[in-house]
Protein backbone atom coordinates (compact mmCIF):
# COMPACT_ATOMS: atom_id res chain seq x y z
CA MET A 1 25.19 34.41 13.59
CA ILE A 2 24.96 31.18 11.41
CA LEU A 3 27.06 30.99 8.39
CA ILE A 4 25.99 28.52 5.88
CA GLN A 5 28.10 27.39 3.10
CA GLN A 6 26.70 25.28 0.35
CA SER A 7 28.96 22.90 -1.31
CA ALA A 8 28.43 21.90 -4.99
CA SER A 9 27.81 18.19 -4.38
CA HIS A 10 24.07 17.60 -4.08
CA GLY A 11 22.97 15.48 -1.29
CA SER A 12 26.17 15.66 0.27
CA ALA A 13 26.68 15.52 4.31
CA SER A 14 25.80 18.34 6.38
CA ILE A 15 28.26 19.33 9.06
CA LEU A 16 28.02 21.78 11.98
CA VAL A 17 31.07 23.57 13.01
CA VAL A 18 30.90 24.96 16.56
CA GLU A 19 33.86 27.41 16.89
CA ASP A 20 34.17 30.85 17.99
CA ASP A 21 37.31 31.87 16.24
CA ARG A 22 35.89 33.37 13.13
CA GLU A 23 39.26 32.85 11.16
CA ILE A 24 39.51 29.23 11.89
CA ALA A 25 35.39 28.54 11.42
CA ARG A 26 36.09 30.07 7.80
CA MET A 27 39.06 27.82 7.11
CA LEU A 28 37.04 24.82 8.31
CA VAL A 29 34.31 25.94 6.11
CA ALA A 30 36.43 26.20 3.09
CA ILE A 31 38.14 22.72 4.03
CA LEU A 32 34.66 21.05 4.23
CA ALA A 33 33.13 22.75 1.18
CA ASP A 34 36.33 21.61 -0.93
CA ALA A 35 35.64 17.94 0.29
CA GLY A 36 32.21 18.34 -0.93
CA TYR A 37 30.34 18.65 2.26
CA ARG A 38 27.59 21.36 3.41
CA ALA A 39 28.98 23.39 6.15
CA SER A 40 27.37 25.65 8.91
CA THR A 41 29.16 27.50 11.65
CA ALA A 42 27.88 28.46 15.28
CA GLY A 43 30.01 30.52 17.48
CA SER A 44 28.36 29.43 20.77
CA GLY A 45 26.31 26.73 22.34
CA ILE A 46 23.39 29.02 22.11
CA GLU A 47 23.90 29.46 18.22
CA MET A 48 24.34 25.55 17.81
CA ASP A 49 21.14 25.03 19.68
CA ARG A 50 19.37 27.41 17.16
CA ALA A 51 20.98 25.64 14.49
CA LEU A 52 19.90 22.30 15.54
CA GLN A 53 16.33 23.20 15.84
CA SER A 54 16.24 24.66 12.22
CA HIS A 55 18.40 22.19 10.51
CA GLU A 56 19.49 18.61 10.25
CA PHE A 57 23.10 17.78 10.61
CA ASP A 58 25.19 14.44 10.10
CA LEU A 59 28.14 15.39 12.01
CA ILE A 60 29.28 18.17 14.57
CA ILE A 61 32.69 19.54 14.76
CA LEU A 62 32.92 20.97 18.22
CA ASP A 63 35.70 23.21 19.69
CA ALA A 64 36.57 22.16 23.22
CA VAL A 65 37.33 25.69 24.32
CA LEU A 66 34.54 28.33 23.61
CA PRO A 67 33.98 31.75 25.61
CA GLY A 68 31.19 32.29 27.92
CA GLY A 69 29.86 30.05 30.65
CA GLU A 70 29.50 26.54 28.58
CA ASP A 71 32.59 25.09 27.03
CA GLY A 72 33.02 22.40 24.69
CA PHE A 73 33.19 19.54 26.95
CA SER A 74 29.83 20.71 28.72
CA ILE A 75 28.07 21.00 25.34
CA CYS A 76 29.22 17.67 24.20
CA ARG A 77 27.79 16.23 27.45
CA ARG A 78 24.58 18.03 26.73
CA ILE A 79 24.30 16.90 23.13
CA ARG A 80 24.88 13.12 23.89
CA ASP A 81 22.25 13.40 26.38
CA THR A 82 19.62 13.50 23.53
CA LEU A 83 21.25 13.03 20.27
CA THR A 84 23.57 10.21 18.69
CA ILE A 85 24.92 12.43 15.97
CA PRO A 86 28.69 11.76 15.42
CA ILE A 87 30.80 14.50 17.42
CA LEU A 88 34.42 15.38 16.50
CA MET A 89 36.17 17.27 19.10
CA LEU A 90 38.57 20.05 17.91
CA THR A 91 41.07 20.96 20.73
CA ALA A 92 44.28 22.91 21.27
CA LEU A 93 44.72 20.82 24.53
CA VAL A 94 47.26 18.17 24.05
CA GLU A 95 47.21 16.31 27.32
CA ASP A 96 45.79 12.75 27.23
CA ILE A 97 43.35 13.64 30.17
CA ASP A 98 41.65 16.24 28.14
CA ARG A 99 41.11 13.99 25.27
CA ILE A 100 39.97 11.33 27.49
CA LEU A 101 37.48 13.76 29.24
CA GLY A 102 35.89 14.36 25.83
CA LEU A 103 35.47 10.68 24.78
CA GLU A 104 34.22 9.89 28.37
CA LEU A 105 31.55 12.68 27.78
CA GLY A 106 30.56 10.95 24.53
CA ALA A 107 32.75 12.22 21.73
CA ASP A 108 33.54 9.99 18.96
CA ASP A 109 36.97 11.32 17.90
CA TYR A 110 39.17 14.53 18.23
CA VAL A 111 41.36 16.30 16.04
CA THR A 112 44.05 18.72 17.93
CA LYS A 113 45.10 22.24 16.79
CA PRO A 114 47.03 23.10 14.68
CA PHE A 115 45.41 20.35 12.21
CA ASN A 116 46.26 18.89 8.74
CA SER A 117 43.24 19.49 6.35
CA ARG A 118 43.79 16.03 5.00
CA GLU A 119 43.53 14.35 8.49
CA LEU A 120 40.59 16.33 9.32
CA GLN A 121 38.85 15.25 6.17
CA ALA A 122 39.95 11.53 6.88
CA ARG A 123 38.42 11.63 10.25
CA ILE A 124 35.28 13.15 9.02
CA LYS A 125 34.82 10.61 6.27
CA SER A 126 35.75 7.69 8.69
CA LEU A 127 32.81 9.07 11.14
CA LEU A 128 30.29 9.44 8.33
CA ARG A 129 31.09 6.16 7.23
CA ARG A 130 30.84 4.54 10.49
CA SER A 131 27.49 6.20 11.18
CA SER A 132 26.15 4.57 7.82
CA TYR A 133 25.73 8.04 6.26
CA GLY A 134 25.11 7.79 2.57
CA SER A 135 23.37 5.47 0.15
CA SER A 136 26.44 3.50 -0.69
CA ALA A 137 26.82 2.35 3.07
CA LYS A 138 26.78 -1.48 3.36
CA PRO A 139 26.12 -3.45 6.55
CA LEU A 140 28.28 -6.14 7.93
CA SER A 141 25.33 -8.32 8.55
CA ASN A 142 21.78 -8.08 9.55
CA SER A 143 20.94 -8.46 13.22
CA MET A 144 22.65 -10.44 15.97
CA ASN A 145 21.55 -11.58 19.52
CA PHE A 146 23.40 -12.00 22.62
CA SER A 147 22.37 -12.50 26.05
CA GLY A 148 19.01 -11.20 25.25
CA TRP A 149 20.19 -8.07 23.57
CA GLN A 150 19.82 -7.26 19.90
CA ILE A 151 22.11 -5.49 17.68
CA ASP A 152 20.94 -4.31 14.19
CA ALA A 153 23.89 -3.24 11.83
CA VAL A 154 21.47 -2.15 9.14
CA LYS A 155 19.55 0.39 11.44
CA ARG A 156 22.26 0.71 13.70
CA GLN A 157 20.29 0.06 16.91
CA LEU A 158 20.91 -1.57 20.01
CA ARG A 159 17.95 -3.04 21.99
CA ASP A 160 17.87 -4.24 25.50
CA PRO A 161 16.23 -7.88 26.60
CA GLU A 162 12.89 -5.71 26.81
CA ARG A 163 13.55 -4.60 23.29
CA VAL A 164 14.02 -0.92 24.38
CA GLU A 165 16.58 0.93 22.18
CA VAL A 166 19.55 1.97 24.08
CA SER A 167 21.48 5.21 22.89
CA MET A 168 24.98 4.61 21.53
CA THR A 169 27.67 6.90 20.19
CA THR A 170 28.95 6.11 16.61
CA ALA A 171 32.19 4.66 18.21
CA GLU A 172 30.45 2.71 20.92
CA PHE A 173 28.24 1.09 18.34
CA ASP A 174 31.09 0.10 16.01
CA ILE A 175 33.04 -1.29 18.81
CA LEU A 176 30.08 -3.52 20.11
CA LEU A 177 29.42 -4.73 16.74
CA ALA A 178 33.20 -5.50 16.10
CA PHE A 179 32.86 -7.57 19.34
CA CYS A 180 29.71 -9.27 18.08
CA ILE A 181 31.23 -10.30 14.77
CA ASN A 182 34.44 -11.58 16.48
CA ALA A 183 32.84 -13.09 19.68
CA GLY A 184 35.06 -15.40 21.53
CA GLN A 185 38.30 -14.17 20.25
CA ILE A 186 40.62 -12.07 21.93
CA MET A 187 40.80 -8.47 20.29
CA THR A 188 43.64 -6.23 20.85
CA ARG A 189 43.36 -2.49 21.07
CA GLU A 190 45.10 -2.18 17.99
CA GLN A 191 42.64 -4.37 16.03
CA LEU A 192 39.55 -2.49 17.46
CA LEU A 193 41.03 0.93 16.46
CA SER A 194 41.85 -0.48 12.99
CA MET A 195 38.20 -1.90 12.81
CA THR A 196 36.47 0.91 14.18
CA HIS A 197 38.44 4.04 13.22
CA ALA A 198 39.67 3.06 9.77
CA GLY A 199 43.07 3.82 11.07
CA SER A 200 42.35 7.16 11.83
CA ALA A 201 42.71 7.48 15.56
CA GLY A 202 46.55 7.09 15.61
CA PRO A 203 48.23 5.89 18.79
CA PHE A 204 45.98 7.00 21.41
CA GLN A 205 44.84 3.57 22.18
CA ARG A 206 43.40 4.57 25.39
CA SER A 207 40.22 5.82 23.60
CA VAL A 208 39.63 2.18 23.03
CA ASP A 209 39.44 1.75 26.83
CA VAL A 210 37.10 4.72 27.52
CA HIS A 211 34.50 3.63 24.71
CA ILE A 212 34.42 0.01 26.13
CA SER A 213 33.97 1.57 29.73
CA ARG A 214 30.96 3.44 28.52
CA ILE A 215 29.65 0.31 26.62
CA ARG A 216 29.89 -1.77 29.81
CA GLN A 217 27.81 0.91 31.70
CA LYS A 218 25.10 0.19 29.03
CA ILE A 219 24.95 -3.64 28.77
CA GLU A 220 26.80 -5.24 31.67
CA PRO A 221 24.67 -6.46 34.44
CA ASN A 222 27.33 -5.29 36.79
CA ALA A 223 29.86 -2.74 34.95
CA ARG A 224 32.43 -3.13 37.99
CA GLU A 225 32.87 -6.81 37.27
CA PRO A 226 32.04 -7.17 33.71
CA SER A 227 31.02 -10.62 32.34
CA LEU A 228 30.22 -9.66 28.94
CA ILE A 229 33.39 -7.80 27.82
CA LYS A 230 36.24 -9.16 29.74
CA THR A 231 39.79 -7.68 29.81
CA VAL A 232 42.57 -9.91 28.67
CA ARG A 233 45.61 -9.09 30.68
CA LEU A 234 48.41 -7.94 27.94
CA GLY A 235 45.91 -8.90 25.31
CA GLY A 236 43.03 -6.76 24.94
CA TYR A 237 39.47 -7.63 25.29
CA ILE A 238 37.13 -10.72 24.69
CA PHE A 239 33.49 -10.83 24.04
CA THR A 240 32.15 -13.73 25.80
CA PRO A 241 28.44 -14.33 25.15
CA ALA A 242 27.24 -16.62 22.23
CA VAL A 243 26.23 -14.37 19.35
CA GLU A 244 23.16 -15.62 17.15
CA LYS A 245 23.36 -14.07 13.65
CA THR A 246 19.75 -13.79 11.98
CA PRO A 247 19.43 -13.30 7.98
């Protein structure tokens, strides 16, 4: 059963909560409605699929542990195969390996249970802002070219040298955009967290490494020997290609 809670704010972001615990789902809906969002809930992957077919959403909050044969990690992978919608994983799993797994499968961020409502709202706001939701979103620049690739900050699109669009998550796009803007400069993990997560990702700097690994798989000629995004020992990363900005 899908429960839809309309907020009082017209034109606000629409968020789908995939959570099997009804009490937690109701609490999340209340938190989201209080923040001015429209919230819908789904208790399983099947209900989520029905919701995605009948409604357009701006963000998905996805519980990592769900009943039945398909858990949140599997659902995350499946969503990311076809959609670029921001995914915020909600998990009671506190081990880094579990959080890394979610990021590797395409999640943009995570919140651990029990969660603070203000932290949850801050992370949602950050993800929506980074995905250019809302009329007030302003691009950092228009389009840029590097090594035959084209990145468009307005449309938030990446195109390969054949001008074929390459699917990217919100976090992946933000990190690549930050590299393009700061090409040739060493970027620490702290700087990348600050620029792309608005300070909400906390101390989990390994998330940057996971996202960069996924970016390399998409843009590097050889991801095992990266030439575009190079690791700087004890420093961070450096984006090596020349970047041409176009008005």
